[in-house]
Protein backbone atom coordinates (compact mmCIF):
# COMPACT_ATOMS: atom_id res chain seq x y z
CA MET A 1 -102.30 11.78 33.52
CA THR A 2 -102.10 15.54 33.31
CA ASN A 3 -101.52 17.39 30.09
CA SER A 4 -99.01 19.73 31.68
CA LEU A 5 -97.04 20.15 28.46
CA GLN A 6 -100.01 21.08 26.29
CA PRO A 7 -99.69 22.79 23.78
CA ALA A 8 -95.87 23.00 23.93
CA ILE A 9 -93.57 21.63 21.25
CA ILE A 10 -90.76 19.83 23.07
CA ALA A 11 -87.44 19.42 21.25
CA HIS A 12 -85.18 16.55 22.27
CA PHE A 13 -81.89 15.15 21.05
CA GLU A 14 -82.32 11.46 21.91
CA SER A 15 -81.50 8.95 19.21
CA ARG A 16 -81.42 5.47 20.80
CA ARG A 17 -84.69 5.74 22.71
CA ARG A 18 -86.38 8.28 20.48
CA GLY A 19 -89.74 6.50 20.29
CA GLU A 20 -90.01 6.12 24.05
CA LEU A 21 -89.26 9.79 24.66
CA ASP A 22 -91.71 10.86 21.93
CA ASN A 23 -94.44 8.78 23.60
CA LEU A 24 -93.64 10.21 27.04
CA ILE A 25 -93.95 13.76 25.72
CA ARG A 26 -97.25 12.91 23.98
CA ARG A 27 -98.66 11.32 27.18
CA HIS A 28 -98.12 14.64 28.91
CA GLY A 29 -99.84 16.61 26.16
CA GLY A 30 -96.79 17.89 24.31
CA SER A 31 -95.74 17.56 20.70
CA PRO A 32 -92.32 15.93 20.32
CA TRP A 33 -89.75 17.44 17.97
CA SER A 34 -86.97 14.92 17.59
CA ALA A 35 -83.57 16.19 16.46
CA PRO A 36 -81.05 13.46 17.31
CA ALA A 37 -77.64 15.07 17.80
CA LEU A 38 -75.63 11.87 17.41
CA SER A 39 -76.11 8.46 15.94
CA GLU A 40 -74.18 5.26 16.50
CA VAL A 41 -72.81 3.62 13.42
CA PRO A 42 -71.31 0.15 13.90
CA VAL A 43 -67.79 -0.10 12.55
CA GLU A 44 -66.30 -3.25 11.10
CA LEU A 45 -63.67 -4.86 13.28
CA GLY A 46 -60.10 -4.60 12.09
CA ILE A 47 -57.38 -7.21 12.54
CA ALA A 48 -56.32 -5.82 15.94
CA GLN A 49 -59.89 -5.88 17.28
CA LYS A 50 -60.42 -9.43 16.01
CA HIS A 51 -57.24 -10.50 17.82
CA THR A 52 -58.54 -8.76 20.95
CA VAL A 53 -61.80 -10.75 20.73
CA ASP A 54 -59.81 -13.98 20.28
CA ALA A 55 -57.55 -13.17 23.25
CA PHE A 56 -60.58 -12.19 25.33
CA CYS A 57 -62.38 -15.46 24.53
CA ALA A 58 -59.21 -17.39 25.37
CA GLY A 59 -59.26 -15.88 28.87
CA ARG A 60 -56.03 -13.90 28.49
CA PHE A 61 -57.22 -10.84 30.44
CA GLU A 62 -57.18 -10.70 34.22
CA VAL A 63 -59.17 -7.46 34.37
CA ILE A 64 -61.92 -6.44 31.97
CA VAL A 65 -63.22 -2.87 32.24
CA LEU A 66 -66.70 -2.35 30.80
CA LEU A 67 -67.43 1.33 30.21
CA THR A 68 -70.74 1.20 28.31
CA GLY A 69 -73.61 -1.20 27.88
CA VAL A 70 -73.47 -0.90 24.10
CA ALA A 71 -69.78 -1.85 24.00
CA THR A 72 -70.35 -4.72 26.44
CA GLN A 73 -73.12 -6.11 24.24
CA ARG A 74 -71.03 -5.53 21.10
CA LEU A 75 -68.14 -7.52 22.59
CA LEU A 76 -70.47 -10.43 23.32
CA ASP A 77 -72.10 -10.13 19.89
CA GLU A 78 -68.71 -10.25 18.16
CA ALA A 79 -67.77 -13.34 20.17
CA ALA A 80 -71.09 -14.95 19.20
CA ALA A 81 -70.52 -14.08 15.54
CA VAL A 82 -67.38 -16.23 15.52
CA GLY A 83 -69.00 -19.04 17.52
CA LYS A 84 -67.28 -18.18 20.81
CA LEU A 85 -70.10 -16.88 23.01
CA PRO A 86 -69.65 -19.65 25.63
CA GLU A 87 -65.93 -18.85 25.80
CA ALA A 88 -66.68 -15.13 26.10
CA LYS A 89 -69.10 -15.73 28.96
CA TRP A 90 -66.51 -17.95 30.67
CA ALA A 91 -63.85 -15.22 30.22
CA LEU A 92 -66.12 -12.62 31.83
CA ALA A 93 -67.02 -14.95 34.69
CA SER A 94 -63.36 -15.86 35.29
CA ALA A 95 -61.79 -12.40 35.16
CA VAL A 96 -62.10 -9.41 37.46
CA THR A 97 -64.79 -7.38 35.71
CA VAL A 98 -65.34 -3.71 36.41
CA ALA A 99 -68.55 -2.02 35.24
CA ARG A 100 -68.59 1.76 35.13
CA GLY A 101 -72.31 1.91 35.81
CA PRO A 102 -75.72 0.32 35.39
CA LYS A 103 -75.70 -0.06 31.60
CA PRO A 104 -72.81 -2.54 31.36
CA VAL A 105 -74.28 -4.34 34.39
CA PHE A 106 -77.59 -4.68 32.52
CA ALA A 107 -75.79 -6.02 29.42
CA LEU A 108 -74.01 -8.61 31.56
CA ARG A 109 -77.26 -9.66 33.26
CA GLN A 110 -78.80 -10.35 29.85
CA HIS A 111 -76.23 -13.16 29.68
CA ASP A 112 -76.61 -14.30 33.31
CA LEU A 113 -73.34 -12.63 34.33
CA LYS A 114 -72.43 -10.21 37.14
CA PRO A 115 -69.47 -7.84 37.37
CA THR A 116 -66.90 -8.19 40.12
CA HIS A 117 -66.95 -4.44 40.81
CA ILE A 118 -69.38 -1.64 39.98
CA ALA A 119 -68.17 1.96 40.08
CA PRO A 120 -70.15 4.05 42.55
CA ALA A 121 -72.44 6.82 41.35
CA PRO A 122 -72.11 9.23 39.64
CA ASN A 123 -70.32 6.66 37.42
CA THR A 124 -67.57 9.01 36.31
CA ILE A 125 -64.03 7.98 35.52
CA ASN A 126 -62.64 9.83 38.58
CA GLY A 127 -61.40 7.26 41.08
CA PHE A 128 -62.74 4.48 38.86
CA PHE A 129 -59.53 2.47 38.60
CA THR A 130 -58.41 2.31 42.21
CA ALA A 131 -60.45 -0.40 43.98
CA PRO A 132 -60.52 -3.12 41.27
CA PHE A 133 -56.76 -3.18 40.86
CA ARG A 134 -56.16 -3.64 44.58
CA SER A 135 -57.59 -7.16 44.28
CA LEU A 136 -54.79 -8.21 41.93
CA PRO A 137 -51.40 -9.22 43.33
CA ASN A 138 -48.58 -6.76 42.58
CA CYS A 139 -50.75 -4.58 40.37
CA THR A 140 -51.62 -0.91 40.49
CA PRO A 141 -53.15 1.22 37.73
CA SER A 142 -49.77 2.86 37.13
CA ASP A 143 -47.87 -0.43 36.69
CA SER A 144 -46.36 -0.84 33.26
CA GLY A 145 -47.68 -4.41 33.28
CA VAL A 146 -51.29 -3.26 32.97
CA THR A 147 -52.34 -3.37 29.33
CA VAL A 148 -55.36 -1.46 28.15
CA LEU A 149 -56.87 -2.62 24.89
CA PRO A 150 -59.83 -0.42 23.94
CA PHE A 151 -62.82 -2.08 22.34
CA THR A 152 -65.36 0.44 21.16
CA ALA A 153 -68.90 -0.32 20.22
CA SER A 154 -69.32 2.14 17.40
CA ALA A 155 -68.24 5.33 15.79
CA VAL A 156 -70.32 8.30 16.82
CA SER A 157 -71.04 10.82 14.13
CA ALA A 158 -72.85 14.12 14.14
CA ARG A 159 -76.07 14.21 12.19
CA THR A 160 -75.95 16.42 9.15
CA SER A 161 -79.57 17.51 9.03
CA ALA A 162 -79.54 21.22 9.76
CA THR A 163 -83.30 21.68 10.17
CA PRO A 164 -85.11 19.02 12.16
CA THR A 165 -88.84 18.75 11.66
CA PRO A 166 -91.47 17.96 14.27
CA ASN A 167 -92.67 14.37 14.36
CA SER A 168 -95.93 14.05 12.51
CA THR A 169 -97.44 11.30 14.67
């Protein structure tokens, strides 16, 4: 392995995979300076979100759109917390599931599930809703009968530390 980054100090803003990125920078001879810009803070589910989890586990959704891997895992974790993981897995296997990209697909695979549709790269929202809805009878994204119930994984907050310090290890 070359030390192509030596003796540079490399600043990065990663929070979730901070350790992995620090190690990668070190392997190439650099000194990591971690300054995570955002952090995920789990939020407690309210009444509406708990009803959404119950409706989801009861199989009341024909189409389930999975935008992030973290939210996909959180949905399954919340179902497991109330003893309904088997029902949640059944609901995902029974519905038309749309994954925006590889991260929700990975979260599904951790539970031996596969999405019905995967949005093509670059995994943006543009054109995302057209193909999956064509598989449903009498349904288009603009129909008033399509209900969107957002389920977010966490609140994202800006870090308040104004002066990050280089990692000492």
